[in-house]
Structure formats: C-alpha cells, structure tokens
N, C-alpha and C. Protein backbone atom coordinates (compact mmCIF):
# COMPACT_ATOMS: atom_id res chain seq x y z
N MET A 1 -44.70 20.00 -2.80
CA MET A 1 -43.78 18.77 -3.08
C MET A 1 -42.81 18.22 -1.85
N ILE A 2 -42.64 17.11 -1.95
CA ILE A 2 -41.79 16.22 -0.74
C ILE A 2 -39.82 17.22 -0.91
N ALA A 3 -39.30 17.41 -0.24
CA ALA A 3 -37.56 17.84 0.14
C ALA A 3 -37.08 17.17 0.88
N ILE A 4 -35.72 16.69 0.98
CA ILE A 4 -35.06 15.67 1.43
C ILE A 4 -33.78 16.78 1.61
N TYR A 5 -33.29 17.17 2.83
CA TYR A 5 -31.68 17.81 3.27
C TYR A 5 -31.04 16.32 4.07
N CYS A 6 -29.36 16.37 3.74
CA CYS A 6 -28.40 15.84 4.93
C CYS A 6 -27.85 16.31 5.13
N GLY A 7 -27.35 16.37 6.03
CA GLY A 7 -25.82 17.02 6.65
C GLY A 7 -25.56 16.35 8.03
N LYS A 8 -24.99 16.73 8.55
CA LYS A 8 -24.42 16.09 9.47
C LYS A 8 -24.17 16.71 11.09
N ILE A 9 -24.82 16.17 11.75
CA ILE A 9 -24.67 16.86 13.29
C ILE A 9 -23.84 16.61 14.54
N LYS A 10 -23.04 17.54 15.18
CA LYS A 10 -21.86 17.77 16.05
C LYS A 10 -22.10 17.93 17.05
N TYR A 11 -22.74 17.74 18.16
CA TYR A 11 -23.03 17.72 19.00
C TYR A 11 -22.30 16.81 20.54
N ALA A 12 -21.66 17.42 21.04
CA ALA A 12 -20.49 17.33 21.95
C ALA A 12 -19.96 15.23 21.59
N HIS A 13 -20.38 14.69 22.88
CA HIS A 13 -20.18 13.16 22.57
C HIS A 13 -21.63 12.74 22.20
N HIS A 14 -22.84 13.21 22.26
CA HIS A 14 -23.97 12.97 21.83
C HIS A 14 -23.91 12.39 20.42
N ALA A 15 -23.30 13.06 19.54
CA ALA A 15 -23.44 13.46 17.96
C ALA A 15 -22.31 13.64 17.65
N PRO A 16 -21.07 12.75 17.73
CA PRO A 16 -19.93 13.60 17.20
C PRO A 16 -19.53 14.28 16.08
N SER A 17 -20.62 13.26 14.96
CA SER A 17 -20.18 13.24 13.40
C SER A 17 -21.40 12.54 13.20
N THR A 18 -22.53 13.00 13.22
CA THR A 18 -23.56 11.95 12.74
C THR A 18 -24.28 12.74 11.31
N ILE A 19 -24.45 11.78 10.42
CA ILE A 19 -25.71 12.28 9.09
C ILE A 19 -27.07 12.74 9.95
N ILE A 20 -27.64 13.29 9.70
CA ILE A 20 -28.35 13.95 9.76
C ILE A 20 -29.78 14.39 8.52
N THR A 21 -30.70 13.46 8.19
CA THR A 21 -31.60 13.88 7.33
C THR A 21 -32.84 14.24 8.13
N VAL A 22 -33.18 15.65 6.97
CA VAL A 22 -34.66 16.07 6.94
C VAL A 22 -35.32 15.94 6.04
N VAL A 23 -36.38 15.71 6.46
CA VAL A 23 -37.58 14.73 5.18
C VAL A 23 -38.61 16.29 5.34
N ALA A 24 -39.19 16.94 4.47
CA ALA A 24 -40.31 17.49 4.15
C ALA A 24 -41.33 17.25 3.51
N PRO A 25 -41.69 16.28 4.01
CA PRO A 25 -43.52 15.66 3.01
C PRO A 25 -44.36 16.35 2.00
N GLU A 26 -44.64 17.56 2.32
CA GLU A 26 -45.47 18.50 1.80
C GLU A 26 -44.76 19.58 1.49
N GLY A 27 -43.66 19.89 1.53
CA GLY A 27 -42.54 21.34 1.07
C GLY A 27 -42.68 21.93 2.74
N ILE A 28 -41.50 22.70 2.11
CA ILE A 28 -41.35 23.33 3.73
C ILE A 28 -42.19 24.86 3.51
N ARG A 29 -43.42 24.54 4.58
CA ARG A 29 -44.67 25.53 4.40
C ARG A 29 -45.15 25.44 6.25
N GLU A 30 -45.73 26.50 6.50
CA GLU A 30 -46.34 26.39 7.53
C GLU A 30 -46.99 25.50 7.76
N SER A 31 -46.84 25.17 8.96
CA SER A 31 -47.87 23.93 9.72
C SER A 31 -47.88 22.69 8.72
N LYS A 32 -46.81 22.63 8.05
CA LYS A 32 -46.63 21.23 7.38
C LYS A 32 -45.08 20.68 8.53
N PRO A 33 -45.44 19.25 7.95
CA PRO A 33 -44.62 18.26 9.20
C PRO A 33 -43.20 17.93 7.91
N CYS A 34 -42.17 18.36 9.52
CA CYS A 34 -41.18 17.83 9.36
C CYS A 34 -40.77 17.07 9.97
N LEU A 35 -39.68 15.82 9.42
CA LEU A 35 -39.58 14.56 10.14
C LEU A 35 -38.01 14.88 9.94
N ILE A 36 -37.31 14.61 11.06
CA ILE A 36 -35.41 15.03 11.16
C ILE A 36 -35.15 13.35 11.76
N TYR A 37 -34.27 12.54 11.39
CA TYR A 37 -33.53 11.44 11.92
C TYR A 37 -32.44 11.67 12.21
N TRP A 38 -31.96 11.38 12.93
CA TRP A 38 -30.22 10.93 13.26
C TRP A 38 -30.52 9.63 14.30
N GLN A 39 -28.66 9.64 15.00
CA GLN A 39 -28.63 8.60 15.49
C GLN A 39 -27.72 9.64 16.99
N TRP A 40 -28.04 9.19 18.02
CA TRP A 40 -27.39 9.63 19.07
C TRP A 40 -26.21 8.18 19.53
N ALA A 41 -25.23 9.29 19.49
CA ALA A 41 -23.71 7.88 19.69
C ALA A 41 -23.90 7.48 21.33
N VAL A 42 -24.97 8.75 22.10
CA VAL A 42 -24.95 8.33 23.42
C VAL A 42 -25.95 9.36 24.21
N THR A 43 -27.47 8.98 24.67
CA THR A 43 -27.70 9.40 24.77
C THR A 43 -27.59 10.14 26.05
N ALA A 44 -28.49 11.26 26.60
CA ALA A 44 -27.93 12.26 27.99
C ALA A 44 -28.17 11.31 29.34
N VAL A 45 -28.68 10.07 29.07
CA VAL A 45 -28.56 8.80 30.06
C VAL A 45 -27.96 7.35 30.25
N GLY A 46 -27.17 7.86 28.88
CA GLY A 46 -26.30 7.11 28.82
C GLY A 46 -26.77 6.02 27.87
N VAL A 47 -27.85 5.80 26.67
CA VAL A 47 -28.03 4.83 26.40
C VAL A 47 -26.27 5.17 24.78
N ASP A 48 -26.36 3.99 24.54
CA ASP A 48 -25.46 3.88 23.52
C ASP A 48 -26.23 3.70 21.75
N ASN A 49 -25.59 4.84 21.16
CA ASN A 49 -26.35 3.90 19.22
C ASN A 49 -28.07 3.87 18.91
N MET A 50 -28.53 5.25 20.18
CA MET A 50 -29.97 5.38 19.77
C MET A 50 -30.27 6.15 18.76
N ASN A 51 -31.36 5.55 17.57
CA ASN A 51 -31.96 6.22 16.56
C ASN A 51 -32.88 6.98 17.04
N LYS A 52 -33.21 8.09 16.51
CA LYS A 52 -33.69 9.18 16.69
C LYS A 52 -34.80 9.55 16.08
N GLU A 53 -35.97 9.80 16.10
CA GLU A 53 -36.88 10.40 14.85
C GLU A 53 -37.32 11.25 15.35
N PHE A 54 -37.37 12.58 14.71
CA PHE A 54 -38.01 13.94 15.39
C PHE A 54 -39.45 14.75 14.45
N THR A 55 -40.55 14.35 15.09
CA THR A 55 -41.65 14.44 14.16
C THR A 55 -42.24 15.56 14.80
N GLY A 56 -41.99 17.10 13.59
CA GLY A 56 -42.80 17.87 14.61
C GLY A 56 -43.53 18.83 13.05
N LEU A 57 -43.42 20.10 13.24
CA LEU A 57 -44.58 21.19 12.12
C LEU A 57 -43.48 22.42 11.74
N PHE A 58 -43.45 22.66 10.85
CA PHE A 58 -42.51 23.76 10.45
C PHE A 58 -43.17 24.96 10.92
N ILE A 59 -42.80 26.02 11.68
CA ILE A 59 -43.29 27.26 11.83
C ILE A 59 -42.30 28.71 11.41
N GLU A 60 -43.10 29.31 10.45
CA GLU A 60 -42.77 30.55 9.95
C GLU A 60 -41.95 31.44 10.82
N LYS A 61 -40.68 32.14 10.98
CA LYS A 61 -40.95 33.09 11.81
C LYS A 61 -39.81 33.99 10.47
N VAL A 62 -39.36 35.02 11.14
CA VAL A 62 -38.77 36.11 10.00
C VAL A 62 -38.02 35.76 8.87
N TYR A 63 -38.40 35.32 7.54
CA TYR A 63 -38.00 34.78 6.90
C TYR A 63 -36.37 35.51 6.83
N PRO A 64 -35.59 34.59 5.97
CA PRO A 64 -35.87 32.98 5.80
C PRO A 64 -35.64 31.71 6.88
N VAL A 65 -35.68 32.40 7.86
CA VAL A 65 -35.71 31.21 9.50
C VAL A 65 -36.93 30.74 9.57
N VAL A 66 -37.14 28.88 9.60
CA VAL A 66 -38.03 28.82 9.90
C VAL A 66 -38.06 27.88 11.50
N GLU A 67 -38.66 27.27 12.08
CA GLU A 67 -38.48 26.72 12.96
C GLU A 67 -39.02 24.86 12.92
N CYS A 68 -38.19 23.93 13.22
CA CYS A 68 -39.31 22.53 13.22
C CYS A 68 -39.18 22.47 14.80
N ARG A 69 -40.66 22.30 15.61
CA ARG A 69 -41.19 22.06 16.83
C ARG A 69 -41.99 21.17 16.97
N SER A 70 -42.39 20.29 18.23
CA SER A 70 -43.04 19.56 18.14
C SER A 70 -43.67 19.39 19.73
N SER A 71 -44.72 19.29 19.53
CA SER A 71 -45.73 19.04 20.64
C SER A 71 -45.35 17.81 21.60
N SER A 72 -44.24 16.50 21.18
CA SER A 72 -44.03 15.67 22.28
C SER A 72 -42.70 15.72 22.25
N GLU A 73 -41.95 16.97 21.90
CA GLU A 73 -40.70 17.04 21.94
C GLU A 73 -40.39 17.91 22.84
N GLY A 74 -40.45 18.07 23.96
CA GLY A 74 -40.14 19.15 24.62
C GLY A 74 -38.62 19.75 24.59
N ASN A 75 -37.54 18.89 24.86
CA ASN A 75 -36.24 18.83 25.39
C ASN A 75 -35.76 19.73 24.16
N TYR A 76 -35.49 19.83 23.30
CA TYR A 76 -35.01 20.47 21.68
C TYR A 76 -36.16 20.90 20.71
N TRP A 77 -36.03 21.37 19.67
CA TRP A 77 -36.81 22.12 18.45
C TRP A 77 -34.93 22.09 17.75
N PHE A 78 -35.41 22.80 16.24
CA PHE A 78 -34.44 23.34 15.46
C PHE A 78 -34.80 24.12 14.74
N THR A 79 -33.86 25.75 14.49
CA THR A 79 -33.91 26.45 13.57
C THR A 79 -33.41 26.28 12.25
N TRP A 80 -34.13 26.27 11.31
CA TRP A 80 -33.54 26.08 10.20
C TRP A 80 -33.20 28.01 8.90
N ASN A 81 -32.27 28.07 8.65
CA ASN A 81 -32.10 29.54 7.93
C ASN A 81 -32.14 29.16 6.57
N LEU A 82 -33.05 28.64 5.65
CA LEU A 82 -33.32 28.46 4.61
C LEU A 82 -32.68 29.33 3.25
N ARG A 83 -31.74 30.30 3.54
CA ARG A 83 -30.90 31.22 2.58
C ARG A 83 -29.79 30.53 2.22
N ILE A 84 -28.94 30.21 3.71
CA ILE A 84 -27.76 29.26 3.93
C ILE A 84 -27.52 27.81 3.93
N ASN A 85 -29.27 27.28 4.11
CA ASN A 85 -29.16 26.02 4.45
C ASN A 85 -28.13 25.51 5.49
N THR A 86 -29.17 26.14 6.44
CA THR A 86 -28.06 25.70 7.83
C THR A 86 -29.34 25.59 9.32
N MET A 87 -28.99 24.83 10.06
CA MET A 87 -30.19 24.16 10.43
C MET A 87 -29.48 24.15 12.34
N GLN A 88 -29.56 24.43 12.98
CA GLN A 88 -29.33 24.61 14.56
C GLN A 88 -30.37 23.82 15.79
N LEU A 89 -29.91 23.36 15.98
CA LEU A 89 -30.09 22.55 17.49
C LEU A 89 -29.90 23.36 18.35
N MET A 90 -31.73 23.30 18.95
CA MET A 90 -31.83 24.74 20.28
C MET A 90 -32.60 23.49 21.23
N ASN A 91 -31.95 23.85 22.71
CA ASN A 91 -32.27 22.89 23.73
C ASN A 91 -33.55 23.78 24.26
N ASN A 92 -34.54 23.52 25.20
CA ASN A 92 -35.50 24.08 25.93
C ASN A 92 -35.77 25.46 26.39
N GLN A 93 -34.03 25.44 26.70
CA GLN A 93 -34.00 27.40 27.17
C GLN A 93 -33.86 28.31 26.02
N GLY A 94 -34.05 27.44 24.54
CA GLY A 94 -33.43 28.54 23.68
C GLY A 94 -31.96 28.71 23.15
N ASN A 95 -30.96 27.71 23.82
CA ASN A 95 -29.44 27.71 23.89
C ASN A 95 -29.52 27.09 22.36
N THR A 96 -28.42 27.34 21.97
CA THR A 96 -28.05 26.52 20.69
C THR A 96 -26.70 25.13 21.53
N CYS A 97 -27.20 24.46 21.02
CA CYS A 97 -26.99 22.87 21.33
C CYS A 97 -26.27 22.28 20.01
N GLY A 98 -24.33 22.34 20.17
CA GLY A 98 -23.41 22.25 19.45
C GLY A 98 -23.37 22.73 17.94
N GLU A 99 -22.26 22.46 16.63
CA GLU A 99 -22.53 23.34 15.69
C GLU A 99 -23.42 23.17 14.43
N PRO A 100 -23.49 24.27 14.12
CA PRO A 100 -24.32 24.77 12.75
C PRO A 100 -24.69 23.52 11.97
N ILE A 101 -25.54 22.79 11.46
CA ILE A 101 -25.67 21.61 10.40
C ILE A 101 -25.69 22.45 9.38
N MET A 102 -24.63 22.02 8.35
CA MET A 102 -25.00 22.54 7.08
C MET A 102 -25.72 21.65 6.25
N LEU A 103 -26.92 21.77 5.30
CA LEU A 103 -27.63 21.11 4.85
C LEU A 103 -27.34 21.17 3.17
N GLU A 104 -27.34 19.61 2.65
CA GLU A 104 -27.10 19.93 1.20
C GLU A 104 -28.78 19.27 0.94
N LYS A 105 -29.50 20.15 -0.20
CA LYS A 105 -30.57 19.35 -0.91
C LYS A 105 -30.46 18.24 -1.83
N VAL A 106 -30.94 16.85 -1.30
CA VAL A 106 -31.12 15.63 -2.30
C VAL A 106 -31.54 15.48 -3.28
N TYR A 107 -32.60 16.23 -2.52
CA TYR A 107 -34.35 16.08 -3.45
C TYR A 107 -35.23 16.69 -3.16
N PRO A 108 -35.54 17.51 -3.66
CA PRO A 108 -35.83 17.20 -5.52
C PRO A 108 -34.28 18.66 -5.62
N VAL A 109 -34.21 18.64 -6.54
CA VAL A 109 -32.93 19.61 -6.75
C VAL A 109 -33.60 20.98 -7.16
N GLY A 110 -32.98 22.22 -6.51
CA GLY A 110 -33.55 23.21 -6.47
C GLY A 110 -34.43 24.09 -5.52
N ILE A 111 -34.52 25.10 -5.35
CA ILE A 111 -35.39 25.53 -4.35
C ILE A 111 -35.60 26.84 -4.41
N CYS A 112 -36.86 27.09 -4.63
CA CYS A 112 -37.54 28.61 -4.97
C CYS A 112 -37.57 29.65 -3.69
N ASP A 113 -37.16 30.84 -4.28
CA ASP A 113 -37.09 31.45 -3.19
C ASP A 113 -37.71 32.91 -3.39
N SER A 114 -38.82 32.72 -2.58
CA SER A 114 -39.86 33.93 -3.56
C SER A 114 -40.01 35.48 -2.70
N GLY A 115 -38.63 35.56 -1.61
CA GLY A 115 -38.44 36.56 -1.08
C GLY A 115 -39.26 36.87 0.23
N SER A 116 -40.54 36.31 0.55
CA SER A 116 -41.07 36.87 1.81
C SER A 116 -41.64 35.77 1.81
N SER A 117 -41.92 34.45 1.21
CA SER A 117 -42.63 32.92 1.97
C SER A 117 -41.81 31.86 1.35
N LEU A 118 -42.17 30.87 2.27
CA LEU A 118 -41.55 29.32 1.44
C LEU A 118 -42.36 28.86 0.70
N THR A 119 -41.26 28.98 -0.47
CA THR A 119 -41.53 27.53 -1.70
C THR A 119 -40.51 26.59 -1.75
N VAL A 120 -41.20 25.78 -1.53
CA VAL A 120 -39.48 24.47 -2.50
C VAL A 120 -40.52 24.08 -3.50
N CYS A 121 -39.35 24.19 -4.92
CA CYS A 121 -39.84 23.76 -6.16
C CYS A 121 -40.09 22.26 -6.03
C-alpha cells in the first residue's frame, strides 16, 4: 500500500528550509521503491532552484532503521528511523548532511509496527 510523508530538509545554503516528500508506492518494505522529492536552493555546482528526484530502494537495517539507496545516486542516501519518523541525508562517506528531517505521514493515516519487520497500514 502506498505511503506518503512530508517534512523539511535543512542543509546549509543548499536547502535552508525546503519541503521534502517521501513516497513509498509499495509500502516500506525491503527492496521496494522509495521516491524522494525536494528542490535544492543552490546545488554544489551553483545551479539555483533545481528540482531533485531521488529514486532508490528500501534496505532494512536494524529495526526500526531503513535506508533508501540508489544505484545511480552515489553521492548520498537517506537513513530513516521509522519509530520516530526522522530521516537523515547521508553523504558517500557516511556522514550526516544537515539537520534530521522530521517526517509527518500524510497518506494513509496510521502505521503498523510489527516489532521486527516493516509493515505499512
């Protein structure tokens, strides 16, 4: 089942307070797609107001943490703590970039926590 979350990414001058949308079209499950959308205020190479679409797959780590990784986006990925709905942008060295992103589930309402595996209601 599709799940949609929204929050604000705050990463220096690249995204000072930018809306970010996370879509899990097949739910939050291992090897299922994760789509993340936001707009860079300015990219690392100086391009202003560039829309960004990150397309990856969920990788379950130690519950409740999952990662969203992409084979085409080698520069960064996202970690997501499902218990507290906080996502973090990570660089390719594994360092955090910017502030934690507090996510709010906007569709559908409710998340099932089965304790050791990922299930979206």
